[in-house]
N, C-alpha and C. Protein backbone atom coordinates (compact mmCIF):
# COMPACT_ATOMS: atom_id res chain seq x y z
N SER A 1 137.68 8.10 -22.34
CA SER A 1 136.46 8.56 -21.68
C SER A 1 135.63 9.43 -22.60
N GLY A 2 136.32 10.16 -23.55
CA GLY A 2 135.60 10.98 -24.51
C GLY A 2 134.73 10.13 -25.42
N MET A 3 135.27 8.96 -25.83
CA MET A 3 134.50 8.05 -26.68
C MET A 3 133.30 7.50 -25.93
N ASN A 4 133.49 7.20 -24.66
CA ASN A 4 132.39 6.69 -23.85
C ASN A 4 131.29 7.74 -23.71
N ALA A 5 131.70 8.99 -23.54
CA ALA A 5 130.72 10.08 -23.40
C ALA A 5 129.93 10.26 -24.69
N GLU A 6 130.65 10.19 -25.82
CA GLU A 6 129.98 10.34 -27.12
C GLU A 6 129.02 9.19 -27.37
N PHE A 7 129.49 7.98 -27.01
CA PHE A 7 128.63 6.79 -27.18
C PHE A 7 127.38 6.92 -26.31
N GLY A 8 127.56 7.40 -25.06
CA GLY A 8 126.43 7.56 -24.15
C GLY A 8 125.43 8.59 -24.67
N LYS A 9 125.97 9.66 -25.27
CA LYS A 9 125.11 10.69 -25.83
C LYS A 9 124.27 10.16 -26.99
N GLN A 10 124.93 9.39 -27.88
CA GLN A 10 124.22 8.81 -29.03
C GLN A 10 123.16 7.81 -28.57
N TRP A 11 123.53 7.00 -27.56
CA TRP A 11 122.58 6.00 -27.03
C TRP A 11 121.35 6.69 -26.46
N TYR A 12 121.59 7.80 -25.72
CA TYR A 12 120.49 8.55 -25.12
C TYR A 12 119.58 9.15 -26.20
N GLN A 13 120.16 9.70 -27.25
CA GLN A 13 119.37 10.31 -28.33
C GLN A 13 118.52 9.27 -29.04
N ARG A 14 119.12 8.04 -29.24
CA ARG A 14 118.34 6.98 -29.90
C ARG A 14 117.16 6.55 -29.02
N ARG A 15 117.40 6.49 -27.71
CA ARG A 15 116.32 6.10 -26.80
C ARG A 15 115.19 7.13 -26.82
N VAL A 16 115.54 8.41 -26.83
CA VAL A 16 114.53 9.49 -26.87
C VAL A 16 113.71 9.41 -28.16
N ARG A 17 114.43 9.21 -29.30
CA ARG A 17 113.72 9.10 -30.59
C ARG A 17 112.79 7.90 -30.59
N GLY A 18 113.29 6.78 -30.03
CA GLY A 18 112.48 5.57 -29.97
C GLY A 18 111.24 5.76 -29.14
N CYS A 19 111.38 6.44 -28.00
CA CYS A 19 110.22 6.69 -27.13
C CYS A 19 109.21 7.61 -27.82
N CYS A 20 109.70 8.61 -28.53
CA CYS A 20 108.81 9.54 -29.25
C CYS A 20 108.01 8.81 -30.32
N ILE A 21 108.69 7.93 -31.05
CA ILE A 21 108.01 7.17 -32.09
C ILE A 21 106.95 6.27 -31.49
N MET A 22 107.28 5.59 -30.39
CA MET A 22 106.32 4.71 -29.73
C MET A 22 105.12 5.49 -29.22
N LEU A 23 105.36 6.68 -28.65
CA LEU A 23 104.28 7.51 -28.14
C LEU A 23 103.37 7.97 -29.28
N PHE A 24 103.99 8.37 -30.40
CA PHE A 24 103.20 8.79 -31.56
C PHE A 24 102.31 7.66 -32.06
N CYS A 25 102.87 6.45 -32.15
CA CYS A 25 102.10 5.30 -32.62
C CYS A 25 100.95 4.98 -31.68
N LEU A 26 101.20 5.09 -30.37
CA LEU A 26 100.15 4.81 -29.39
C LEU A 26 99.00 5.80 -29.51
N VAL A 27 99.34 7.09 -29.66
CA VAL A 27 98.30 8.11 -29.82
C VAL A 27 97.51 7.86 -31.09
N PHE A 28 98.18 7.50 -32.17
CA PHE A 28 97.51 7.22 -33.44
C PHE A 28 96.54 6.06 -33.32
N VAL A 29 96.96 4.99 -32.65
CA VAL A 29 96.10 3.81 -32.47
C VAL A 29 94.88 4.16 -31.65
N VAL A 30 95.06 4.95 -30.58
CA VAL A 30 93.94 5.34 -29.72
C VAL A 30 92.93 6.17 -30.50
N LEU A 31 93.42 7.13 -31.27
CA LEU A 31 92.53 7.97 -32.07
C LEU A 31 91.79 7.15 -33.11
N LEU A 32 92.49 6.23 -33.75
CA LEU A 32 91.88 5.40 -34.79
C LEU A 32 90.80 4.50 -34.21
N SER A 33 91.07 3.91 -33.04
CA SER A 33 90.09 3.02 -32.43
C SER A 33 88.87 3.79 -31.97
N SER A 34 89.04 5.01 -31.46
CA SER A 34 87.90 5.80 -31.02
C SER A 34 87.06 6.25 -32.20
N PHE A 35 87.69 6.51 -33.33
CA PHE A 35 86.98 6.88 -34.55
C PHE A 35 86.07 5.75 -35.01
N HIS A 36 86.61 4.52 -35.00
CA HIS A 36 85.81 3.38 -35.44
C HIS A 36 84.76 3.00 -34.41
N ALA A 37 84.99 3.32 -33.16
CA ALA A 37 84.04 2.93 -32.12
C ALA A 37 82.76 3.74 -32.17
N ASP A 38 82.84 4.96 -32.72
CA ASP A 38 81.66 5.83 -32.76
C ASP A 38 81.24 6.06 -34.19
N PRO A 39 80.16 5.39 -34.65
CA PRO A 39 79.75 5.53 -36.04
C PRO A 39 79.27 6.92 -36.39
N THR A 40 78.92 7.73 -35.38
CA THR A 40 78.47 9.09 -35.67
C THR A 40 79.62 9.96 -36.15
N LEU A 41 80.87 9.47 -35.97
CA LEU A 41 82.01 10.24 -36.45
C LEU A 41 82.34 9.92 -37.90
N VAL A 42 81.67 8.92 -38.45
CA VAL A 42 81.95 8.54 -39.83
C VAL A 42 81.30 9.55 -40.77
N LYS A 43 82.09 10.19 -41.54
CA LYS A 43 81.56 11.16 -42.49
C LYS A 43 81.59 10.56 -43.88
N MET A 44 80.40 10.26 -44.39
CA MET A 44 80.31 9.59 -45.66
C MET A 44 80.33 10.57 -46.83
N ASN A 45 80.17 11.86 -46.54
CA ASN A 45 80.15 12.86 -47.59
C ASN A 45 81.53 12.98 -48.22
N SER A 46 81.56 13.58 -49.39
CA SER A 46 82.82 13.81 -50.05
C SER A 46 83.58 14.92 -49.35
N PRO A 47 84.89 15.00 -49.53
CA PRO A 47 85.68 16.04 -48.89
C PRO A 47 85.15 17.44 -49.23
N GLY A 48 85.07 18.27 -48.21
CA GLY A 48 84.60 19.63 -48.41
C GLY A 48 83.13 19.82 -48.15
N SER A 49 82.35 18.73 -48.03
CA SER A 49 80.93 18.86 -47.75
C SER A 49 80.73 19.31 -46.32
N SER A 50 79.66 20.07 -46.07
CA SER A 50 79.50 20.72 -44.77
C SER A 50 78.74 19.90 -43.75
N GLU A 51 77.87 19.02 -44.20
CA GLU A 51 77.04 18.25 -43.26
C GLU A 51 77.76 16.98 -42.80
N ARG A 52 77.64 16.68 -41.54
CA ARG A 52 78.29 15.52 -40.93
C ARG A 52 77.20 14.57 -40.46
N LEU A 53 77.08 13.43 -41.11
CA LEU A 53 76.01 12.49 -40.81
C LEU A 53 76.56 11.13 -40.39
N SER A 54 75.74 10.39 -39.66
CA SER A 54 76.13 9.04 -39.26
C SER A 54 76.14 8.11 -40.47
N LYS A 55 76.80 7.00 -40.31
CA LYS A 55 76.85 5.99 -41.37
C LYS A 55 75.45 5.48 -41.70
N LYS A 56 74.60 5.41 -40.68
CA LYS A 56 73.24 4.89 -40.86
C LYS A 56 72.43 5.75 -41.84
N ALA A 57 72.69 7.04 -41.85
CA ALA A 57 71.96 7.95 -42.75
C ALA A 57 72.19 7.61 -44.22
N TRP A 58 73.31 6.93 -44.50
CA TRP A 58 73.68 6.57 -45.86
C TRP A 58 73.46 5.08 -46.15
N THR A 59 72.86 4.38 -45.19
CA THR A 59 72.72 2.94 -45.30
C THR A 59 71.37 2.54 -45.91
N ASP A 60 71.42 1.67 -46.89
CA ASP A 60 70.22 1.18 -47.56
C ASP A 60 69.26 0.53 -46.56
N LYS A 61 68.00 0.94 -46.58
CA LYS A 61 66.92 0.39 -45.74
C LYS A 61 67.05 0.72 -44.25
N ALA A 62 67.94 1.62 -43.89
CA ALA A 62 68.02 2.04 -42.48
C ALA A 62 66.73 2.77 -42.11
N ALA A 63 66.27 2.57 -40.89
CA ALA A 63 65.00 3.15 -40.47
C ALA A 63 65.01 3.41 -38.97
N GLY A 64 63.95 4.07 -38.49
CA GLY A 64 63.81 4.30 -37.06
C GLY A 64 63.84 5.77 -36.68
N GLU A 65 63.58 6.01 -35.41
CA GLU A 65 63.46 7.37 -34.88
C GLU A 65 64.75 8.17 -35.02
N GLU A 66 65.85 7.57 -34.60
CA GLU A 66 67.12 8.30 -34.54
C GLU A 66 67.59 8.77 -35.92
N VAL A 67 67.63 7.87 -36.87
CA VAL A 67 68.12 8.26 -38.20
C VAL A 67 67.13 9.17 -38.91
N SER A 68 65.84 8.97 -38.69
CA SER A 68 64.83 9.85 -39.29
C SER A 68 65.00 11.28 -38.78
N ASN A 69 65.13 11.42 -37.46
CA ASN A 69 65.32 12.76 -36.89
C ASN A 69 66.60 13.40 -37.39
N GLU A 70 67.63 12.59 -37.54
CA GLU A 70 68.92 13.11 -38.01
C GLU A 70 68.82 13.69 -39.41
N VAL A 71 68.25 12.93 -40.34
CA VAL A 71 68.20 13.41 -41.73
C VAL A 71 67.20 14.55 -41.90
N ILE A 72 66.12 14.52 -41.12
CA ILE A 72 65.14 15.61 -41.19
C ILE A 72 65.79 16.91 -40.73
N ALA A 73 66.47 16.87 -39.60
CA ALA A 73 67.13 18.08 -39.09
C ALA A 73 68.16 18.60 -40.08
N SER A 74 68.92 17.70 -40.67
CA SER A 74 69.95 18.10 -41.62
C SER A 74 69.35 18.74 -42.87
N VAL A 75 68.37 18.06 -43.44
CA VAL A 75 67.77 18.56 -44.69
C VAL A 75 67.03 19.88 -44.47
N GLU A 76 66.36 20.01 -43.35
CA GLU A 76 65.68 21.28 -43.07
C GLU A 76 66.69 22.41 -42.84
N ARG A 77 67.82 22.07 -42.29
CA ARG A 77 68.87 23.07 -42.09
C ARG A 77 69.40 23.57 -43.44
N ILE A 78 69.49 22.68 -44.41
CA ILE A 78 70.05 23.03 -45.72
C ILE A 78 69.00 23.63 -46.66
N ILE A 79 67.82 23.04 -46.70
CA ILE A 79 66.81 23.44 -47.70
C ILE A 79 65.70 24.30 -47.11
N GLY A 80 65.47 24.21 -45.83
CA GLY A 80 64.45 25.05 -45.22
C GLY A 80 63.51 24.30 -44.29
N ASP A 81 63.05 25.00 -43.26
CA ASP A 81 62.15 24.43 -42.25
C ASP A 81 60.79 24.08 -42.87
N THR A 82 60.13 23.08 -42.27
CA THR A 82 58.82 22.65 -42.80
C THR A 82 57.72 22.68 -41.74
N LYS A 83 57.96 23.36 -40.62
CA LYS A 83 56.95 23.42 -39.54
C LYS A 83 56.58 22.01 -39.06
N GLN A 84 57.55 21.15 -39.03
CA GLN A 84 57.44 19.75 -38.59
C GLN A 84 56.67 18.89 -39.59
N PHE A 85 56.39 19.41 -40.77
CA PHE A 85 55.65 18.64 -41.77
C PHE A 85 56.47 17.45 -42.27
N LEU A 86 57.75 17.64 -42.45
CA LEU A 86 58.60 16.55 -42.95
C LEU A 86 58.60 15.38 -41.96
N LYS A 87 58.64 15.68 -40.68
CA LYS A 87 58.58 14.62 -39.67
C LYS A 87 57.22 13.91 -39.73
N LYS A 88 56.17 14.66 -39.89
CA LYS A 88 54.84 14.06 -39.98
C LYS A 88 54.73 13.15 -41.20
N VAL A 89 55.32 13.57 -42.32
CA VAL A 89 55.30 12.75 -43.53
C VAL A 89 55.99 11.41 -43.27
N ALA A 90 57.13 11.45 -42.61
CA ALA A 90 57.87 10.20 -42.31
C ALA A 90 57.05 9.28 -41.41
N VAL A 91 56.34 9.86 -40.46
CA VAL A 91 55.51 9.07 -39.55
C VAL A 91 54.30 8.50 -40.27
N VAL A 92 53.61 9.35 -41.00
CA VAL A 92 52.36 8.95 -41.67
C VAL A 92 52.62 7.97 -42.82
N GLU A 93 53.66 8.23 -43.58
CA GLU A 93 53.94 7.41 -44.76
C GLU A 93 54.49 6.02 -44.43
N SER A 94 55.36 5.94 -43.41
CA SER A 94 56.03 4.65 -43.18
C SER A 94 56.34 4.34 -41.72
N ASN A 95 55.78 5.14 -40.80
CA ASN A 95 56.13 4.98 -39.39
C ASN A 95 57.65 5.01 -39.23
N LEU A 96 58.26 6.02 -39.84
CA LEU A 96 59.71 6.23 -39.78
C LEU A 96 60.49 5.05 -40.37
N GLY A 97 59.89 4.43 -41.39
CA GLY A 97 60.54 3.33 -42.09
C GLY A 97 60.28 1.97 -41.48
N ARG A 98 59.50 1.92 -40.39
CA ARG A 98 59.29 0.66 -39.68
C ARG A 98 58.04 -0.08 -40.10
N ALA A 99 57.19 0.56 -40.91
CA ALA A 99 55.95 -0.09 -41.34
C ALA A 99 56.25 -1.21 -42.33
N PRO A 100 55.52 -2.32 -42.24
CA PRO A 100 55.69 -3.40 -43.23
C PRO A 100 55.44 -2.86 -44.64
N GLY A 101 56.27 -3.24 -45.56
CA GLY A 101 56.09 -2.80 -46.95
C GLY A 101 56.83 -1.53 -47.30
N THR A 102 57.47 -0.90 -46.31
CA THR A 102 58.22 0.32 -46.61
C THR A 102 59.27 0.08 -47.70
N PHE A 103 59.98 -1.03 -47.56
CA PHE A 103 61.04 -1.36 -48.51
C PHE A 103 60.64 -2.56 -49.37
N ARG A 104 59.39 -2.56 -49.81
CA ARG A 104 58.87 -3.66 -50.63
C ARG A 104 59.62 -3.77 -51.95
N ALA A 105 59.58 -4.96 -52.51
CA ALA A 105 60.29 -5.22 -53.77
C ALA A 105 59.79 -4.31 -54.88
N GLY A 106 60.72 -3.70 -55.58
CA GLY A 106 60.37 -2.87 -56.73
C GLY A 106 60.00 -1.44 -56.39
N TYR A 107 59.96 -1.10 -55.09
CA TYR A 107 59.61 0.27 -54.68
C TYR A 107 60.78 0.85 -53.90
N TYR A 108 61.16 2.08 -54.23
CA TYR A 108 62.39 2.65 -53.68
C TYR A 108 62.18 4.00 -52.99
N GLY A 109 60.96 4.30 -52.58
CA GLY A 109 60.67 5.61 -51.99
C GLY A 109 61.23 5.85 -50.62
N GLY A 110 61.60 4.77 -49.91
CA GLY A 110 62.23 4.91 -48.60
C GLY A 110 61.30 5.41 -47.50
N ILE A 111 61.89 5.95 -46.48
CA ILE A 111 61.16 6.39 -45.29
C ILE A 111 60.04 7.37 -45.63
N PHE A 112 60.28 8.24 -46.61
CA PHE A 112 59.31 9.28 -46.96
C PHE A 112 58.41 8.87 -48.13
N GLN A 113 58.60 7.65 -48.62
CA GLN A 113 57.75 7.07 -49.66
C GLN A 113 57.56 8.01 -50.87
N VAL A 114 58.67 8.46 -51.40
CA VAL A 114 58.65 9.34 -52.58
C VAL A 114 58.53 8.47 -53.83
N ASP A 115 57.45 8.61 -54.56
CA ASP A 115 57.24 7.81 -55.77
C ASP A 115 58.24 8.19 -56.86
N ARG A 116 58.34 7.32 -57.86
CA ARG A 116 59.28 7.57 -58.96
C ARG A 116 59.00 8.91 -59.65
N ILE A 117 57.72 9.17 -59.92
CA ILE A 117 57.36 10.42 -60.61
C ILE A 117 57.73 11.63 -59.75
N GLY A 118 57.45 11.51 -58.46
CA GLY A 118 57.80 12.60 -57.55
C GLY A 118 59.30 12.81 -57.47
N PHE A 119 60.05 11.72 -57.47
CA PHE A 119 61.51 11.82 -57.42
C PHE A 119 62.03 12.53 -58.67
N LYS A 120 61.52 12.13 -59.82
CA LYS A 120 61.96 12.76 -61.07
C LYS A 120 61.63 14.25 -61.09
N ALA A 121 60.52 14.61 -60.45
CA ALA A 121 60.12 16.03 -60.40
C ALA A 121 61.13 16.86 -59.60
N THR A 122 61.83 16.21 -58.66
CA THR A 122 62.83 16.94 -57.88
C THR A 122 64.10 17.24 -58.69
N GLN A 123 64.18 16.65 -59.88
CA GLN A 123 65.34 16.88 -60.75
C GLN A 123 64.98 17.70 -61.99
N ASP A 124 63.73 18.09 -62.08
CA ASP A 124 63.25 18.82 -63.26
C ASP A 124 63.43 20.32 -63.06
N THR A 125 64.62 20.80 -63.34
CA THR A 125 64.92 22.22 -63.14
C THR A 125 64.29 23.11 -64.19
N ARG A 126 63.84 22.54 -65.28
CA ARG A 126 63.15 23.35 -66.30
C ARG A 126 61.75 23.70 -65.83
N ALA A 127 61.05 22.72 -65.29
CA ALA A 127 59.70 22.97 -64.77
C ALA A 127 59.73 23.71 -63.44
N HIS A 128 60.82 23.51 -62.68
CA HIS A 128 60.94 24.13 -61.35
C HIS A 128 62.32 24.80 -61.24
N PRO A 129 62.49 25.99 -61.81
CA PRO A 129 63.80 26.65 -61.83
C PRO A 129 64.40 26.89 -60.44
N ALA A 130 63.55 27.02 -59.43
CA ALA A 130 64.05 27.27 -58.06
C ALA A 130 64.86 26.08 -57.53
N LEU A 131 64.73 24.93 -58.18
CA LEU A 131 65.50 23.75 -57.76
C LEU A 131 67.00 23.95 -57.93
N LYS A 132 67.39 24.77 -58.89
CA LYS A 132 68.81 24.92 -59.20
C LYS A 132 69.62 25.35 -57.98
N ALA A 133 69.10 26.33 -57.25
CA ALA A 133 69.80 26.81 -56.06
C ALA A 133 69.83 25.74 -54.98
N LYS A 134 68.76 24.99 -54.86
CA LYS A 134 68.69 23.93 -53.84
C LYS A 134 69.63 22.78 -54.19
N VAL A 135 69.70 22.45 -55.47
CA VAL A 135 70.61 21.39 -55.92
C VAL A 135 72.06 21.78 -55.63
N HIS A 136 72.37 23.06 -55.80
CA HIS A 136 73.71 23.55 -55.50
C HIS A 136 74.01 23.41 -54.00
N LYS A 137 73.03 23.75 -53.17
CA LYS A 137 73.20 23.62 -51.72
C LYS A 137 73.43 22.16 -51.32
N ILE A 138 72.72 21.25 -51.98
CA ILE A 138 72.85 19.82 -51.69
C ILE A 138 74.26 19.34 -52.05
N LYS A 139 74.79 19.84 -53.14
CA LYS A 139 76.15 19.48 -53.56
C LYS A 139 77.17 19.94 -52.52
N LEU A 140 76.99 21.15 -52.03
CA LEU A 140 77.91 21.68 -51.04
C LEU A 140 77.78 20.98 -49.69
N ALA A 141 76.54 20.65 -49.33
CA ALA A 141 76.27 20.06 -48.01
C ALA A 141 76.63 18.59 -47.92
N TYR A 142 76.33 17.84 -48.99
CA TYR A 142 76.46 16.38 -48.93
C TYR A 142 77.42 15.78 -49.97
N GLY A 143 77.85 16.59 -50.91
CA GLY A 143 78.69 16.06 -51.98
C GLY A 143 77.89 15.25 -52.98
N ILE A 144 76.57 15.42 -52.99
CA ILE A 144 75.69 14.66 -53.88
C ILE A 144 75.38 15.48 -55.13
N ASP A 145 75.59 14.88 -56.28
CA ASP A 145 75.13 15.48 -57.54
C ASP A 145 73.68 15.04 -57.71
N TRP A 146 72.76 15.88 -57.23
CA TRP A 146 71.37 15.44 -57.15
C TRP A 146 70.77 15.11 -58.51
N LEU A 147 71.14 15.82 -59.53
CA LEU A 147 70.57 15.59 -60.86
C LEU A 147 71.01 14.25 -61.44
N ALA A 148 72.04 13.66 -60.85
CA ALA A 148 72.50 12.34 -61.30
C ALA A 148 72.02 11.21 -60.36
N ALA A 149 71.30 11.58 -59.31
CA ALA A 149 70.81 10.57 -58.35
C ALA A 149 69.73 9.70 -59.00
N GLU A 150 69.59 8.48 -58.50
CA GLU A 150 68.59 7.54 -59.00
C GLU A 150 67.51 7.32 -57.93
N TRP A 151 66.33 6.97 -58.39
CA TRP A 151 65.23 6.69 -57.46
C TRP A 151 65.62 5.58 -56.48
N THR A 152 66.40 4.62 -56.94
CA THR A 152 66.83 3.51 -56.09
C THR A 152 67.67 4.01 -54.91
N ASP A 153 68.28 5.18 -55.04
CA ASP A 153 69.07 5.74 -53.93
C ASP A 153 68.19 6.12 -52.74
N ALA A 154 66.90 6.32 -52.98
CA ALA A 154 66.01 6.82 -51.93
C ALA A 154 65.72 5.80 -50.84
N ARG A 155 66.23 4.59 -50.97
CA ARG A 155 66.14 3.65 -49.84
C ARG A 155 67.09 4.06 -48.72
N LYS A 156 68.04 4.92 -49.05
CA LYS A 156 68.93 5.47 -48.03
C LYS A 156 68.22 6.67 -47.40
N PRO A 157 68.20 6.78 -46.07
CA PRO A 157 67.45 7.85 -45.41
C PRO A 157 67.76 9.26 -45.89
N ILE A 158 69.03 9.59 -46.11
CA ILE A 158 69.35 10.96 -46.50
C ILE A 158 68.81 11.27 -47.90
N TYR A 159 68.86 10.32 -48.80
CA TYR A 159 68.32 10.54 -50.15
C TYR A 159 66.80 10.68 -50.11
N SER A 160 66.15 9.84 -49.32
CA SER A 160 64.69 9.90 -49.21
C SER A 160 64.26 11.24 -48.63
N ALA A 161 64.98 11.72 -47.60
CA ALA A 161 64.66 13.00 -46.98
C ALA A 161 64.86 14.17 -47.94
N ILE A 162 65.96 14.14 -48.68
CA ILE A 162 66.22 15.20 -49.66
C ILE A 162 65.12 15.21 -50.72
N ALA A 163 64.79 14.03 -51.23
CA ALA A 163 63.77 13.94 -52.28
C ALA A 163 62.44 14.47 -51.77
N SER A 164 62.08 14.09 -50.56
CA SER A 164 60.81 14.55 -49.98
C SER A 164 60.80 16.06 -49.81
N ARG A 165 61.89 16.59 -49.27
CA ARG A 165 61.95 18.05 -49.05
C ARG A 165 61.91 18.82 -50.36
N LEU A 166 62.61 18.33 -51.38
CA LEU A 166 62.59 19.01 -52.67
C LEU A 166 61.21 18.92 -53.32
N PHE A 167 60.58 17.76 -53.20
CA PHE A 167 59.23 17.60 -53.74
C PHE A 167 58.26 18.59 -53.09
N ILE A 168 58.37 18.72 -51.78
CA ILE A 168 57.52 19.67 -51.06
C ILE A 168 57.81 21.10 -51.51
N SER A 169 59.08 21.39 -51.77
CA SER A 169 59.44 22.75 -52.21
C SER A 169 58.89 23.07 -53.59
N ASN A 170 58.55 22.04 -54.37
CA ASN A 170 57.96 22.27 -55.69
C ASN A 170 56.49 22.66 -55.61
N ILE A 171 55.86 22.39 -54.47
CA ILE A 171 54.44 22.71 -54.31
C ILE A 171 54.30 24.23 -54.25
N PRO A 172 53.42 24.81 -55.05
CA PRO A 172 53.35 26.28 -55.14
C PRO A 172 52.83 26.97 -53.90
N LEU A 173 52.11 26.27 -53.05
CA LEU A 173 51.55 26.89 -51.85
C LEU A 173 52.41 26.60 -50.62
N PRO A 174 52.49 27.54 -49.69
CA PRO A 174 53.30 27.33 -48.49
C PRO A 174 52.72 26.24 -47.59
N ILE A 175 53.55 25.68 -46.76
CA ILE A 175 53.11 24.63 -45.84
C ILE A 175 52.27 25.26 -44.74
N PRO A 176 51.06 24.77 -44.50
CA PRO A 176 50.23 25.30 -43.41
C PRO A 176 50.87 25.02 -42.05
N ALA A 177 50.46 25.77 -41.06
CA ALA A 177 51.02 25.60 -39.72
C ALA A 177 50.24 24.59 -38.89
N SER A 178 48.92 24.51 -39.10
CA SER A 178 48.09 23.66 -38.26
C SER A 178 48.14 22.20 -38.71
N LEU A 179 47.81 21.30 -37.80
CA LEU A 179 47.76 19.88 -38.13
C LEU A 179 46.70 19.61 -39.18
N GLN A 180 45.53 20.21 -39.02
CA GLN A 180 44.45 20.02 -40.00
C GLN A 180 44.88 20.52 -41.37
N GLY A 181 45.50 21.69 -41.39
CA GLY A 181 45.96 22.26 -42.66
C GLY A 181 47.02 21.40 -43.31
N GLN A 182 47.94 20.88 -42.53
CA GLN A 182 48.99 20.01 -43.08
C GLN A 182 48.41 18.69 -43.57
N ALA A 183 47.41 18.18 -42.88
CA ALA A 183 46.76 16.93 -43.30
C ALA A 183 46.12 17.10 -44.67
N GLU A 184 45.43 18.20 -44.87
CA GLU A 184 44.78 18.47 -46.16
C GLU A 184 45.83 18.74 -47.24
N TYR A 185 46.88 19.42 -46.87
CA TYR A 185 47.99 19.72 -47.78
C TYR A 185 48.63 18.41 -48.25
N TRP A 186 48.90 17.52 -47.30
CA TRP A 186 49.48 16.21 -47.63
C TRP A 186 48.55 15.42 -48.55
N ASP A 187 47.28 15.40 -48.22
CA ASP A 187 46.32 14.61 -49.00
C ASP A 187 46.20 15.13 -50.44
N LYS A 188 46.29 16.44 -50.59
CA LYS A 188 46.10 17.03 -51.92
C LYS A 188 47.37 17.00 -52.76
N TYR A 189 48.52 17.24 -52.14
CA TYR A 189 49.74 17.43 -52.92
C TYR A 189 50.77 16.31 -52.80
N TYR A 190 50.82 15.66 -51.63
CA TYR A 190 51.88 14.66 -51.41
C TYR A 190 51.39 13.24 -51.64
N ASN A 191 50.24 12.93 -51.14
CA ASN A 191 49.68 11.59 -51.26
C ASN A 191 49.28 11.35 -52.72
N SER A 192 49.86 10.36 -53.37
CA SER A 192 49.56 10.12 -54.78
C SER A 192 48.14 9.60 -54.96
N ALA A 193 47.63 9.69 -56.16
CA ALA A 193 46.27 9.22 -56.45
C ALA A 193 46.13 7.74 -56.13
N ALA A 194 47.24 7.01 -56.30
CA ALA A 194 47.21 5.57 -56.03
C ALA A 194 47.42 5.26 -54.54
N GLY A 195 47.84 6.27 -53.80
CA GLY A 195 48.16 6.05 -52.40
C GLY A 195 46.92 5.97 -51.53
N ALA A 196 46.98 5.08 -50.56
CA ALA A 196 45.87 4.96 -49.61
C ALA A 196 46.05 6.02 -48.54
N GLY A 197 44.95 6.52 -48.02
CA GLY A 197 45.05 7.49 -46.95
C GLY A 197 44.27 8.75 -47.23
N THR A 198 43.74 9.33 -46.17
CA THR A 198 42.98 10.57 -46.24
C THR A 198 43.57 11.57 -45.26
N ALA A 199 43.06 12.78 -45.30
CA ALA A 199 43.51 13.80 -44.36
C ALA A 199 43.28 13.33 -42.91
N GLN A 200 42.18 12.64 -42.68
CA GLN A 200 41.90 12.15 -41.34
C GLN A 200 42.89 11.06 -40.94
N ASP A 201 43.30 10.24 -41.89
CA ASP A 201 44.31 9.22 -41.61
C ASP A 201 45.63 9.88 -41.17
N PHE A 202 45.96 10.97 -41.85
CA PHE A 202 47.17 11.72 -41.51
C PHE A 202 47.11 12.18 -40.06
N ILE A 203 45.99 12.75 -39.68
CA ILE A 203 45.80 13.25 -38.31
C ILE A 203 45.85 12.09 -37.30
N ASP A 204 45.14 11.01 -37.62
CA ASP A 204 45.08 9.87 -36.71
C ASP A 204 46.45 9.23 -36.50
N ARG A 205 47.20 9.07 -37.57
CA ARG A 205 48.53 8.45 -37.46
C ARG A 205 49.49 9.32 -36.67
N TRP A 206 49.42 10.62 -36.91
CA TRP A 206 50.29 11.52 -36.16
C TRP A 206 49.93 11.53 -34.67
N ASN A 207 48.65 11.60 -34.38
CA ASN A 207 48.22 11.60 -32.97
C ASN A 207 48.59 10.28 -32.29
N ALA A 208 48.49 9.18 -33.02
CA ALA A 208 48.87 7.88 -32.45
C ALA A 208 50.36 7.86 -32.14
N TYR A 209 51.15 8.47 -32.99
CA TYR A 209 52.59 8.55 -32.76
C TYR A 209 52.90 9.42 -31.56
N ILE A 210 52.25 10.58 -31.49
CA ILE A 210 52.51 11.52 -30.41
C ILE A 210 52.09 10.95 -29.05
N HIS A 211 50.96 10.29 -29.02
CA HIS A 211 50.41 9.82 -27.74
C HIS A 211 50.72 8.35 -27.48
N GLY A 212 51.34 7.69 -28.45
CA GLY A 212 51.63 6.27 -28.27
C GLY A 212 52.91 6.01 -27.54
């Protein structure tokens, strides 16, 4: 009877261990499936980066209201508020990436339509020493070595937003608060000489977005 008791004890312990292993595997599968089911839980940044963005924010040619708002909020949180100017730029320049020609062949400015020269200016720490601190913040927030980034990366929403915000930060004058002031600011400093559009176009496009 002693052998039977010992055998029963061992059988019971094996059953308990087996149940624990099965329960652990079930919990793991549930967690894994829920992670894949929600793309907003996908963190594309390198380990240790502070910002948590959706997969779409890192996707080439991604566009639209949701991803634009996401990257604008993130970049303004890291680099500084723009009095809604960054959102207006995205609307006026490309209708949040939805305008025909936003991702035209040979052009990589993305949602914020940052030209090659403008993009390079965001990496010129000699001409703009204040960029150094911002580049460091970008590294911590996103795991991006901004000085090694390429203009072609700006087809991804987060890169386009960073480039736009850094370009704006290079402008020596502060961002105006009024719509009229921002329209003139955009026309003078952001809109390239080759770019179509006037301060009135800026106002009209924004009003159409707001009231449309």
